Amino acid sequence: MFNFKTLQKNKTVRYGVPMLLLVVGGSFGLREFTQLRYDAQKIRKRLDPSLEAKVNAEKQSVMLEEEYEKMQKVDLDEWKNIRGPRPWEDSKEYQEQQRSRLSKKD
């Protein structure tokens, strides 16, 4: 018959078994928590069914040739390169300056 005092003195039983239970139990617990996270992300990303049907229909109707014809109609020689504001610049003030410069040049 087992003597409980000898089991309590055994370092493997005293420290190893709880550590093993913590590692194995922790992996199962973490799996459940991460699964909850991914399920919540799927729910948030889900679109309204009517909107999703509309998006899928538009994706299927676009043909490569149609897009090529649209690109041929665009005049690429008459564009102007305008840089955006730097992080330290006020965007509205900078846009007004750009517009005034363009109107003076034309």
PDB file of N, CA and C in Angstrom:
ATOM      1  N   MET A   1       0.830  -1.160   0.000  1.00  0.00           N
ATOM      2  CA  MET A   1       0.000   0.000   0.000  1.00  0.00           C
ATOM      3  C   MET A   1       0.887   1.239   0.000  1.00  0.00           C
ATOM      4  N   PHE A   2       0.390   2.301  -0.646  1.00  0.00           N
ATOM      5  CA  PHE A   2       1.163   3.541  -0.743  1.00  0.00           C
ATOM      6  C   PHE A   2       1.125   4.309   0.563  1.00  0.00           C
ATOM      7  N   ASN A   3       2.244   4.869   0.849  1.00  0.00           N
ATOM      8  CA  ASN A   3       2.326   5.718   2.018  1.00  0.00           C
ATOM      9  C   ASN A   3       2.286   7.168   1.537  1.00  0.00           C
ATOM     10  N   PHE A   4       1.303   7.942   2.003  1.00  0.00           N
ATOM     11  CA  PHE A   4       1.121   9.312   1.516  1.00  0.00           C
ATOM     12  C   PHE A   4       2.266  10.231   1.937  1.00  0.00           C
ATOM     13  N   LYS A   5       2.912   9.940   3.023  1.00  0.00           N
ATOM     14  CA  LYS A   5       4.031  10.774   3.459  1.00  0.00           C
ATOM     15  C   LYS A   5       5.210  10.638   2.507  1.00  0.00           C
ATOM     16  N   THR A   6       5.426   9.444   1.987  1.00  0.00           N
ATOM     17  CA  THR A   6       6.522   9.273   1.031  1.00  0.00           C
ATOM     18  C   THR A   6       6.178   9.954  -0.286  1.00  0.00           C
ATOM     19  N   LEU A   7       4.888   9.945  -0.662  1.00  0.00           N
ATOM     20  CA  LEU A   7       4.483  10.645  -1.883  1.00  0.00           C
ATOM     21  C   LEU A   7       4.643  12.155  -1.723  1.00  0.00           C
ATOM     22  N   GLN A   8       4.332  12.687  -0.546  1.00  0.00           N
ATOM     23  CA  GLN A   8       4.461  14.118  -0.314  1.00  0.00           C
ATOM     24  C   GLN A   8       5.924  14.547  -0.309  1.00  0.00           C
ATOM     25  N   LYS A   9       6.820  13.686   0.061  1.00  0.00           N
ATOM     26  CA  LYS A   9       8.246  14.003   0.078  1.00  0.00           C
ATOM     27  C   LYS A   9       8.888  13.863  -1.295  1.00  0.00           C
ATOM     28  N   ASN A  10       8.256  13.127  -2.182  1.00  0.00           N
ATOM     29  CA  ASN A  10       8.790  12.923  -3.520  1.00  0.00           C
ATOM     30  C   ASN A  10       8.693  14.238  -4.312  1.00  0.00           C
ATOM     31  N   LYS A  11       9.832  14.745  -4.828  1.00  0.00           N
ATOM     32  CA  LYS A  11       9.866  16.026  -5.537  1.00  0.00           C
ATOM     33  C   LYS A  11       9.112  15.968  -6.862  1.00  0.00           C
ATOM     34  N   THR A  12       9.104  14.840  -7.507  1.00  0.00           N
ATOM     35  CA  THR A  12       8.390  14.715  -8.771  1.00  0.00           C
ATOM     36  C   THR A  12       6.895  14.879  -8.563  1.00  0.00           C
ATOM     37  N   VAL A  13       6.386  14.235  -7.537  1.00  0.00           N
ATOM     38  CA  VAL A  13       4.953  14.339  -7.255  1.00  0.00           C
ATOM     39  C   VAL A  13       4.622  15.729  -6.729  1.00  0.00           C
ATOM     40  N   ARG A  14       5.491  16.264  -5.903  1.00  0.00           N
ATOM     41  CA  ARG A  14       5.200  17.546  -5.263  1.00  0.00           C
ATOM     42  C   ARG A  14       5.296  18.730  -6.226  1.00  0.00           C
ATOM     43  N   TYR A  15       6.269  18.724  -7.124  1.00  0.00           N
ATOM     44  CA  TYR A  15       6.469  19.854  -8.016  1.00  0.00           C
ATOM     45  C   TYR A  15       6.193  19.527  -9.489  1.00  0.00           C
ATOM     46  N   GLY A  16       6.501  18.343  -9.916  1.00  0.00           N
ATOM     47  CA  GLY A  16       6.379  17.980 -11.330  1.00  0.00           C
ATOM     48  C   GLY A  16       4.950  17.805 -11.791  1.00  0.00           C
ATOM     49  N   VAL A  17       4.140  17.110 -11.011  1.00  0.00           N
ATOM     50  CA  VAL A  17       2.746  16.861 -11.411  1.00  0.00           C
ATOM     51  C   VAL A  17       1.947  18.166 -11.485  1.00  0.00           C
ATOM     52  N   PRO A  18       2.034  19.073 -10.494  1.00  0.00           N
ATOM     53  CA  PRO A  18       1.308  20.342 -10.645  1.00  0.00           C
ATOM     54  C   PRO A  18       1.793  21.172 -11.841  1.00  0.00           C
ATOM     55  N   MET A  19       3.109  21.127 -12.091  1.00  0.00           N
ATOM     56  CA  MET A  19       3.641  21.864 -13.241  1.00  0.00           C
ATOM     57  C   MET A  19       3.108  21.283 -14.538  1.00  0.00           C
ATOM     58  N   LEU A  20       3.076  19.976 -14.639  1.00  0.00           N
ATOM     59  CA  LEU A  20       2.554  19.305 -15.833  1.00  0.00           C
ATOM     60  C   LEU A  20       1.073  19.623 -16.018  1.00  0.00           C
ATOM     61  N   LEU A  21       0.313  19.594 -14.926  1.00  0.00           N
ATOM     62  CA  LEU A  21      -1.110  19.948 -15.016  1.00  0.00           C
ATOM     63  C   LEU A  21      -1.299  21.400 -15.448  1.00  0.00           C
ATOM     64  N   LEU A  22      -0.453  22.309 -14.955  1.00  0.00           N
ATOM     65  CA  LEU A  22      -0.537  23.715 -15.318  1.00  0.00           C
ATOM     66  C   LEU A  22      -0.237  23.926 -16.808  1.00  0.00           C
ATOM     67  N   VAL A  23       0.780  23.265 -17.315  1.00  0.00           N
ATOM     68  CA  VAL A  23       1.149  23.423 -18.724  1.00  0.00           C
ATOM     69  C   VAL A  23       0.076  22.839 -19.633  1.00  0.00           C
ATOM     70  N   VAL A  24      -0.364  21.626 -19.363  1.00  0.00           N
ATOM     71  CA  VAL A  24      -1.372  20.983 -20.212  1.00  0.00           C
ATOM     72  C   VAL A  24      -2.711  21.697 -20.085  1.00  0.00           C
ATOM     73  N   GLY A  25      -3.119  22.001 -18.861  1.00  0.00           N
ATOM     74  CA  GLY A  25      -4.382  22.716 -18.654  1.00  0.00           C
ATOM     75  C   GLY A  25      -4.341  24.111 -19.247  1.00  0.00           C
ATOM     76  N   GLY A  26      -3.210  24.775 -19.167  1.00  0.00           N
ATOM     77  CA  GLY A  26      -3.057  26.106 -19.744  1.00  0.00           C
ATOM     78  C   GLY A  26      -3.181  26.099 -21.246  1.00  0.00           C
ATOM     79  N   SER A  27      -2.638  25.072 -21.881  1.00  0.00           N
ATOM     80  CA  SER A  27      -2.740  25.019 -23.344  1.00  0.00           C
ATOM     81  C   SER A  27      -4.187  24.837 -23.778  1.00  0.00           C
ATOM     82  N   PHE A  28      -4.938  24.017 -23.061  1.00  0.00           N
ATOM     83  CA  PHE A  28      -6.358  23.859 -23.389  1.00  0.00           C
ATOM     84  C   PHE A  28      -7.135  25.152 -23.122  1.00  0.00           C
ATOM     85  N   GLY A  29      -6.814  25.816 -22.015  1.00  0.00           N
ATOM     86  CA  GLY A  29      -7.487  27.078 -21.697  1.00  0.00           C
ATOM     87  C   GLY A  29      -7.189  28.159 -22.723  1.00  0.00           C
ATOM     88  N   LEU A  30      -5.920  28.270 -23.122  1.00  0.00           N
ATOM     89  CA  LEU A  30      -5.561  29.269 -24.122  1.00  0.00           C
ATOM     90  C   LEU A  30      -6.230  28.985 -25.464  1.00  0.00           C
ATOM     91  N   ARG A  31      -6.383  27.719 -25.799  1.00  0.00           N
ATOM     92  CA  ARG A  31      -7.051  27.379 -27.055  1.00  0.00           C
ATOM     93  C   ARG A  31      -8.486  27.884 -27.044  1.00  0.00           C
ATOM     94  N   GLU A  32      -9.160  27.726 -25.924  1.00  0.00           N
ATOM     95  CA  GLU A  32     -10.547  28.191 -25.827  1.00  0.00           C
ATOM     96  C   GLU A  32     -10.628  29.711 -25.916  1.00  0.00           C
ATOM     97  N   PHE A  33      -9.725  30.413 -25.229  1.00  0.00           N
ATOM     98  CA  PHE A  33      -9.754  31.877 -25.266  1.00  0.00           C
ATOM     99  C   PHE A  33      -9.428  32.411 -26.655  1.00  0.00           C
ATOM    100  N   THR A  34      -8.451  31.818 -27.341  1.00  0.00           N
ATOM    101  CA  THR A  34      -8.130  32.296 -28.688  1.00  0.00           C
ATOM    102  C   THR A  34      -9.255  31.977 -29.654  1.00  0.00           C
ATOM    103  N   GLN A  35      -9.933  30.871 -29.465  1.00  0.00           N
ATOM    104  CA  GLN A  35     -11.064  30.542 -30.331  1.00  0.00           C
ATOM    105  C   GLN A  35     -12.174  31.577 -30.166  1.00  0.00           C
ATOM    106  N   LEU A  36     -12.411  32.031 -28.947  1.00  0.00           N
ATOM    107  CA  LEU A  36     -13.396  33.090 -28.716  1.00  0.00           C
ATOM    108  C   LEU A  36     -13.004  34.366 -29.442  1.00  0.00           C
ATOM    109  N   ARG A  37     -11.736  34.675 -29.429  1.00  0.00           N
ATOM    110  CA  ARG A  37     -11.246  35.878 -30.103  1.00  0.00           C
ATOM    111  C   ARG A  37     -11.506  35.810 -31.602  1.00  0.00           C
ATOM    112  N   TYR A  38     -11.165  34.691 -32.222  1.00  0.00           N
ATOM    113  CA  TYR A  38     -11.345  34.561 -33.663  1.00  0.00           C
ATOM    114  C   TYR A  38     -12.818  34.511 -34.045  1.00  0.00           C
ATOM    115  N   ASP A  39     -13.648  33.912 -33.205  1.00  0.00           N
ATOM    116  CA  ASP A  39     -15.086  33.904 -33.476  1.00  0.00           C
ATOM    117  C   ASP A  39     -15.649  35.318 -33.432  1.00  0.00           C
ATOM    118  N   ALA A  40     -15.194  36.122 -32.483  1.00  0.00           N
ATOM    119  CA  ALA A  40     -15.663  37.506 -32.382  1.00  0.00           C
ATOM    120  C   ALA A  40     -15.225  38.308 -33.599  1.00  0.00           C
ATOM    121  N   GLN A  41     -14.014  38.071 -34.105  1.00  0.00           N
ATOM    122  CA  GLN A  41     -13.546  38.775 -35.300  1.00  0.00           C
ATOM    123  C   GLN A  41     -14.376  38.395 -36.518  1.00  0.00           C
ATOM    124  N   LYS A  42     -14.750  37.134 -36.639  1.00  0.00           N
ATOM    125  CA  LYS A  42     -15.577  36.702 -37.770  1.00  0.00           C
ATOM    126  C   LYS A  42     -16.936  37.378 -37.737  1.00  0.00           C
ATOM    127  N   ILE A  43     -17.505  37.521 -36.539  1.00  0.00           N
ATOM    128  CA  ILE A  43     -18.818  38.154 -36.414  1.00  0.00           C
ATOM    129  C   ILE A  43     -18.733  39.625 -36.800  1.00  0.00           C
ATOM    130  N   ARG A  44     -17.680  40.309 -36.396  1.00  0.00           N
ATOM    131  CA  ARG A  44     -17.526  41.725 -36.723  1.00  0.00           C
ATOM    132  C   ARG A  44     -17.322  41.948 -38.217  1.00  0.00           C
ATOM    133  N   LYS A  45     -16.616  41.042 -38.885  1.00  0.00           N
ATOM    134  CA  LYS A  45     -16.308  41.216 -40.305  1.00  0.00           C
ATOM    135  C   LYS A  45     -17.472  40.838 -41.214  1.00  0.00           C
ATOM    136  N   ARG A  46     -18.466  40.197 -40.679  1.00  0.00           N
ATOM    137  CA  ARG A  46     -19.592  39.761 -41.490  1.00  0.00           C
ATOM    138  C   ARG A  46     -20.375  40.955 -42.008  1.00  0.00           C
ATOM    139  N   LEU A  47     -20.695  40.949 -43.298  1.00  0.00           N
ATOM    140  CA  LEU A  47     -21.452  42.031 -43.912  1.00  0.00           C
ATOM    141  C   LEU A  47     -22.947  41.746 -43.850  1.00  0.00           C
ATOM    142  N   ASP A  48     -23.710  42.803 -44.055  1.00  0.00           N
ATOM    143  CA  ASP A  48     -25.153  42.662 -44.197  1.00  0.00           C
ATOM    144  C   ASP A  48     -25.409  41.787 -45.429  1.00  0.00           C
ATOM    145  N   PRO A  49     -26.311  40.806 -45.374  1.00  0.00           N
ATOM    146  CA  PRO A  49     -26.504  39.890 -46.516  1.00  0.00           C
ATOM    147  C   PRO A  49     -26.850  40.597 -47.821  1.00  0.00           C
ATOM    148  N   SER A  50     -27.670  41.645 -47.772  1.00  0.00           N
ATOM    149  CA  SER A  50     -28.013  42.344 -49.015  1.00  0.00           C
ATOM    150  C   SER A  50     -26.802  43.075 -49.574  1.00  0.00           C
ATOM    151  N   LEU A  51     -25.998  43.670 -48.707  1.00  0.00           N
ATOM    152  CA  LEU A  51     -24.792  44.360 -49.156  1.00  0.00           C
ATOM    153  C   LEU A  51     -23.766  43.367 -49.683  1.00  0.00           C
ATOM    154  N   GLU A  52     -23.654  42.227 -49.027  1.00  0.00           N
ATOM    155  CA  GLU A  52     -22.701  41.207 -49.466  1.00  0.00           C
ATOM    156  C   GLU A  52     -23.073  40.678 -50.848  1.00  0.00           C
ATOM    157  N   ALA A  53     -24.366  40.474 -51.103  1.00  0.00           N
ATOM    158  CA  ALA A  53     -24.811  40.010 -52.418  1.00  0.00           C
ATOM    159  C   ALA A  53     -24.499  41.040 -53.486  1.00  0.00           C
ATOM    160  N   LYS A  54     -24.670  42.314 -53.161  1.00  0.00           N
ATOM    161  CA  LYS A  54     -24.382  43.391 -54.115  1.00  0.00           C
ATOM    162  C   LYS A  54     -22.884  43.445 -54.435  1.00  0.00           C
ATOM    163  N   VAL A  55     -22.054  43.319 -53.416  1.00  0.00           N
ATOM    164  CA  VAL A  55     -20.605  43.348 -53.618  1.00  0.00           C
ATOM    165  C   VAL A  55     -20.163  42.175 -54.482  1.00  0.00           C
ATOM    166  N   ASN A  56     -20.682  40.984 -54.209  1.00  0.00           N
ATOM    167  CA  ASN A  56     -20.316  39.811 -54.999  1.00  0.00           C
ATOM    168  C   ASN A  56     -20.778  39.936 -56.440  1.00  0.00           C
ATOM    169  N   ALA A  57     -21.943  40.518 -56.669  1.00  0.00           N
ATOM    170  CA  ALA A  57     -22.440  40.689 -58.029  1.00  0.00           C
ATOM    171  C   ALA A  57     -21.559  41.662 -58.804  1.00  0.00           C
ATOM    172  N   GLU A  58     -21.100  42.732 -58.137  1.00  0.00           N
ATOM    173  CA  GLU A  58     -20.233  43.697 -58.803  1.00  0.00           C
ATOM    174  C   GLU A  58     -18.881  43.076 -59.135  1.00  0.00           C
ATOM    175  N   LYS A  59     -18.365  42.249 -58.267  1.00  0.00           N
ATOM    176  CA  LYS A  59     -17.079  41.608 -58.523  1.00  0.00           C
ATOM    177  C   LYS A  59     -17.159  40.703 -59.749  1.00  0.00           C
ATOM    178  N   GLN A  60     -18.247  40.016 -59.909  1.00  0.00           N
ATOM    179  CA  GLN A  60     -18.387  39.088 -61.022  1.00  0.00           C
ATOM    180  C   GLN A  60     -18.624  39.816 -62.339  1.00  0.00           C
ATOM    181  N   SER A  61     -19.265  40.992 -62.300  1.00  0.00           N
ATOM    182  CA  SER A  61     -19.628  41.670 -63.536  1.00  0.00           C
ATOM    183  C   SER A  61     -18.464  42.441 -64.151  1.00  0.00           C
ATOM    184  N   VAL A  62     -17.414  42.732 -63.394  1.00  0.00           N
ATOM    185  CA  VAL A  62     -16.297  43.507 -63.922  1.00  0.00           C
ATOM    186  C   VAL A  62     -15.418  42.606 -64.779  1.00  0.00           C
ATOM    187  N   MET A  63     -15.203  43.043 -65.994  1.00  0.00           N
ATOM    188  CA  MET A  63     -14.363  42.275 -66.910  1.00  0.00           C
ATOM    189  C   MET A  63     -13.064  43.040 -67.156  1.00  0.00           C
ATOM    190  N   LEU A  64     -12.028  42.333 -67.493  1.00  0.00           N
ATOM    191  CA  LEU A  64     -10.728  42.937 -67.718  1.00  0.00           C
ATOM    192  C   LEU A  64     -10.762  43.893 -68.902  1.00  0.00           C
ATOM    193  N   GLU A  65     -11.471  43.535 -69.941  1.00  0.00           N
ATOM    194  CA  GLU A  65     -11.543  44.382 -71.125  1.00  0.00           C
ATOM    195  C   GLU A  65     -12.230  45.710 -70.814  1.00  0.00           C
ATOM    196  N   GLU A  66     -13.260  45.674 -69.977  1.00  0.00           N
ATOM    197  CA  GLU A  66     -13.963  46.903 -69.595  1.00  0.00           C
ATOM    198  C   GLU A  66     -13.030  47.841 -68.843  1.00  0.00           C
ATOM    199  N   GLU A  67     -12.251  47.290 -67.950  1.00  0.00           N
ATOM    200  CA  GLU A  67     -11.313  48.110 -67.200  1.00  0.00           C
ATOM    201  C   GLU A  67     -10.241  48.687 -68.113  1.00  0.00           C
ATOM    202  N   TYR A  68      -9.811  47.927 -69.102  1.00  0.00           N
ATOM    203  CA  TYR A  68      -8.810  48.405 -70.045  1.00  0.00           C
ATOM    204  C   TYR A  68      -9.369  49.565 -70.869  1.00  0.00           C
ATOM    205  N   GLU A  69     -10.617  49.449 -71.286  1.00  0.00           N
ATOM    206  CA  GLU A  69     -11.245  50.538 -72.044  1.00  0.00           C
ATOM    207  C   GLU A  69     -11.370  51.796 -71.184  1.00  0.00           C
ATOM    208  N   LYS A  70     -11.695  51.652 -69.934  1.00  0.00           N
ATOM    209  CA  LYS A  70     -11.772  52.810 -69.035  1.00  0.00           C
ATOM    210  C   LYS A  70     -10.409  53.485 -68.907  1.00  0.00           C
ATOM    211  N   MET A  71      -9.363  52.707 -68.803  1.00  0.00           N
ATOM    212  CA  MET A  71      -8.026  53.268 -68.659  1.00  0.00           C
ATOM    213  C   MET A  71      -7.575  53.973 -69.936  1.00  0.00           C
ATOM    214  N   GLN A  72      -8.027  53.501 -71.093  1.00  0.00           N
ATOM    215  CA  GLN A  72      -7.670  54.168 -72.339  1.00  0.00           C
ATOM    216  C   GLN A  72      -8.329  55.537 -72.442  1.00  0.00           C
ATOM    217  N   LYS A  73      -9.500  55.709 -71.864  1.00  0.00           N
ATOM    218  CA  LYS A  73     -10.218  56.976 -71.924  1.00  0.00           C
ATOM    219  C   LYS A  73      -9.615  58.033 -71.001  1.00  0.00           C
ATOM    220  N   VAL A  74      -8.876  57.631 -69.991  1.00  0.00           N
ATOM    221  CA  VAL A  74      -8.305  58.571 -69.030  1.00  0.00           C
ATOM    222  C   VAL A  74      -7.117  59.286 -69.669  1.00  0.00           C
ATOM    223  N   ASP A  75      -7.098  60.621 -69.544  1.00  0.00           N
ATOM    224  CA  ASP A  75      -5.999  61.416 -70.092  1.00  0.00           C
ATOM    225  C   ASP A  75      -4.895  61.524 -69.045  1.00  0.00           C
ATOM    226  N   LEU A  76      -3.796  60.827 -69.262  1.00  0.00           N
ATOM    227  CA  LEU A  76      -2.712  60.792 -68.290  1.00  0.00           C
ATOM    228  C   LEU A  76      -1.669  61.879 -68.514  1.00  0.00           C
ATOM    229  N   ASP A  77      -1.784  62.655 -69.596  1.00  0.00           N
ATOM    230  CA  ASP A  77      -0.797  63.697 -69.870  1.00  0.00           C
ATOM    231  C   ASP A  77      -1.116  65.012 -69.160  1.00  0.00           C
ATOM    232  N   GLU A  78      -2.315  65.215 -68.715  1.00  0.00           N
ATOM    233  CA  GLU A  78      -2.735  66.480 -68.138  1.00  0.00           C
ATOM    234  C   GLU A  78      -2.874  66.446 -66.618  1.00  0.00           C
ATOM    235  N   TRP A  79      -2.233  65.553 -65.932  1.00  0.00           N
ATOM    236  CA  TRP A  79      -2.359  65.483 -64.487  1.00  0.00           C
ATOM    237  C   TRP A  79      -1.285  66.332 -63.830  1.00  0.00           C
ATOM    238  N   LYS A  80      -1.549  66.736 -62.587  1.00  0.00           N
ATOM    239  CA  LYS A  80      -0.587  67.527 -61.823  1.00  0.00           C
ATOM    240  C   LYS A  80      -0.265  66.780 -60.539  1.00  0.00           C
ATOM    241  N   ASN A  81       1.004  66.766 -60.211  1.00  0.00           N
ATOM    242  CA  ASN A  81       1.450  66.089 -58.999  1.00  0.00           C
ATOM    243  C   ASN A  81       1.424  67.083 -57.843  1.00  0.00           C
ATOM    244  N   ILE A  82       0.573  66.833 -56.859  1.00  0.00           N
ATOM    245  CA  ILE A  82       0.466  67.696 -55.690  1.00  0.00           C
ATOM    246  C   ILE A  82       0.778  66.843 -54.471  1.00  0.00           C
ATOM    247  N   ARG A  83       1.791  67.242 -53.731  1.00  0.00           N
ATOM    248  CA  ARG A  83       2.147  66.451 -52.559  1.00  0.00           C
ATOM    249  C   ARG A  83       1.196  66.750 -51.412  1.00  0.00           C
ATOM    250  N   GLY A  84       1.029  65.793 -50.549  1.00  0.00           N
ATOM    251  CA  GLY A  84       0.186  65.964 -49.374  1.00  0.00           C
ATOM    252  C   GLY A  84       0.942  66.683 -48.276  1.00  0.00           C
ATOM    253  N   PRO A  85       0.261  67.074 -47.234  1.00  0.00           N
ATOM    254  CA  PRO A  85       0.922  67.802 -46.139  1.00  0.00           C
ATOM    255  C   PRO A  85       1.831  66.892 -45.325  1.00  0.00           C
ATOM    256  N   ARG A  86       2.873  67.482 -44.790  1.00  0.00           N
ATOM    257  CA  ARG A  86       3.750  66.762 -43.880  1.00  0.00           C
ATOM    258  C   ARG A  86       3.036  66.615 -42.543  1.00  0.00           C
ATOM    259  N   PRO A  87       3.482  65.679 -41.685  1.00  0.00           N
ATOM    260  CA  PRO A  87       2.806  65.489 -40.393  1.00  0.00           C
ATOM    261  C   PRO A  87       2.797  66.746 -39.527  1.00  0.00           C
ATOM    262  N   TRP A  88       3.807  67.587 -39.637  1.00  0.00           N
ATOM    263  CA  TRP A  88       3.877  68.771 -38.805  1.00  0.00           C
ATOM    264  C   TRP A  88       3.141  69.965 -39.419  1.00  0.00           C
ATOM    265  N   GLU A  89       2.658  69.828 -40.651  1.00  0.00           N
ATOM    266  CA  GLU A  89       1.933  70.906 -41.300  1.00  0.00           C
ATOM    267  C   GLU A  89       0.431  70.756 -41.069  1.00  0.00           C
ATOM    268  N   ASP A  90      -0.273  71.887 -41.042  1.00  0.00           N
ATOM    269  CA  ASP A  90      -1.724  71.877 -40.931  1.00  0.00           C
ATOM    270  C   ASP A  90      -2.285  71.506 -42.298  1.00  0.00           C
ATOM    271  N   SER A  91      -3.051  70.437 -42.377  1.00  0.00           N
ATOM    272  CA  SER A  91      -3.489  69.932 -43.677  1.00  0.00           C
ATOM    273  C   SER A  91      -4.435  70.901 -44.373  1.00  0.00           C
ATOM    274  N   LYS A  92      -5.359  71.515 -43.665  1.00  0.00           N
ATOM    275  CA  LYS A  92      -6.306  72.423 -44.310  1.00  0.00           C
ATOM    276  C   LYS A  92      -5.600  73.673 -44.827  1.00  0.00           C
ATOM    277  N   GLU A  93      -4.704  74.204 -44.037  1.00  0.00           N
ATOM    278  CA  GLU A  93      -3.952  75.386 -44.471  1.00  0.00           C
ATOM    279  C   GLU A  93      -3.100  75.066 -45.688  1.00  0.00           C
ATOM    280  N   TYR A  94      -2.460  73.918 -45.685  1.00  0.00           N
ATOM    281  CA  TYR A  94      -1.600  73.524 -46.792  1.00  0.00           C
ATOM    282  C   TYR A  94      -2.410  73.295 -48.066  1.00  0.00           C
ATOM    283  N   GLN A  95      -3.579  72.694 -47.929  1.00  0.00           N
ATOM    284  CA  GLN A  95      -4.436  72.477 -49.104  1.00  0.00           C
ATOM    285  C   GLN A  95      -4.873  73.802 -49.706  1.00  0.00           C
ATOM    286  N   GLU A  96      -5.184  74.769 -48.865  1.00  0.00           N
ATOM    287  CA  GLU A  96      -5.571  76.091 -49.374  1.00  0.00           C
ATOM    288  C   GLU A  96      -4.410  76.739 -50.122  1.00  0.00           C
ATOM    289  N   GLN A  97      -3.189  76.591 -49.604  1.00  0.00           N
ATOM    290  CA  GLN A  97      -2.016  77.134 -50.281  1.00  0.00           C
ATOM    291  C   GLN A  97      -1.829  76.477 -51.643  1.00  0.00           C
ATOM    292  N   GLN A  98      -1.994  75.160 -51.701  1.00  0.00           N
ATOM    293  CA  GLN A  98      -1.845  74.442 -52.966  1.00  0.00           C
ATOM    294  C   GLN A  98      -2.890  74.905 -53.982  1.00  0.00           C
ATOM    295  N   ARG A  99      -4.127  75.065 -53.542  1.00  0.00           N
ATOM    296  CA  ARG A  99      -5.189  75.505 -54.443  1.00  0.00           C
ATOM    297  C   ARG A  99      -4.925  76.914 -54.968  1.00  0.00           C
ATOM    298  N   SER A 100      -4.451  77.782 -54.085  1.00  0.00           N
ATOM    299  CA  SER A 100      -4.171  79.161 -54.538  1.00  0.00           C
ATOM    300  C   SER A 100      -3.020  79.183 -55.528  1.00  0.00           C
ATOM    301  N   ARG A 101      -1.988  78.358 -55.312  1.00  0.00           N
ATOM    302  CA  ARG A 101      -0.871  78.285 -56.263  1.00  0.00           C
ATOM    303  C   ARG A 101      -1.323  77.764 -57.627  1.00  0.00           C
ATOM    304  N   LEU A 102      -2.173  76.757 -57.617  1.00  0.00           N
ATOM    305  CA  LEU A 102      -2.661  76.208 -58.876  1.00  0.00           C
ATOM    306  C   LEU A 102      -3.544  77.205 -59.616  1.00  0.00           C
ATOM    307  N   SER A 103      -4.363  77.933 -58.894  1.00  0.00           N
ATOM    308  CA  SER A 103      -5.237  78.903 -59.554  1.00  0.00           C
ATOM    309  C   SER A 103      -4.418  80.065 -60.114  1.00  0.00           C
ATOM    310  N   LYS A 104      -3.290  80.442 -59.469  1.00  0.00           N
ATOM    311  CA  LYS A 104      -2.429  81.519 -59.973  1.00  0.00           C
ATOM    312  C   LYS A 104      -1.691  81.072 -61.236  1.00  0.00           C
ATOM    313  N   LYS A 105      -1.297  79.800 -61.296  1.00  0.00           N
ATOM    314  CA  LYS A 105      -0.553  79.287 -62.458  1.00  0.00           C
ATOM    315  C   LYS A 105      -1.443  79.201 -63.683  1.00  0.00           C
ATOM    316  N   ASP A 106      -2.708  78.884 -63.501  1.00  0.00           N
ATOM    317  CA  ASP A 106      -3.633  78.706 -64.636  1.00  0.00           C
ATOM    318  C   ASP A 106      -4.111  80.025 -65.137  1.00  0.00           C
TER     319      ASP A 106
END
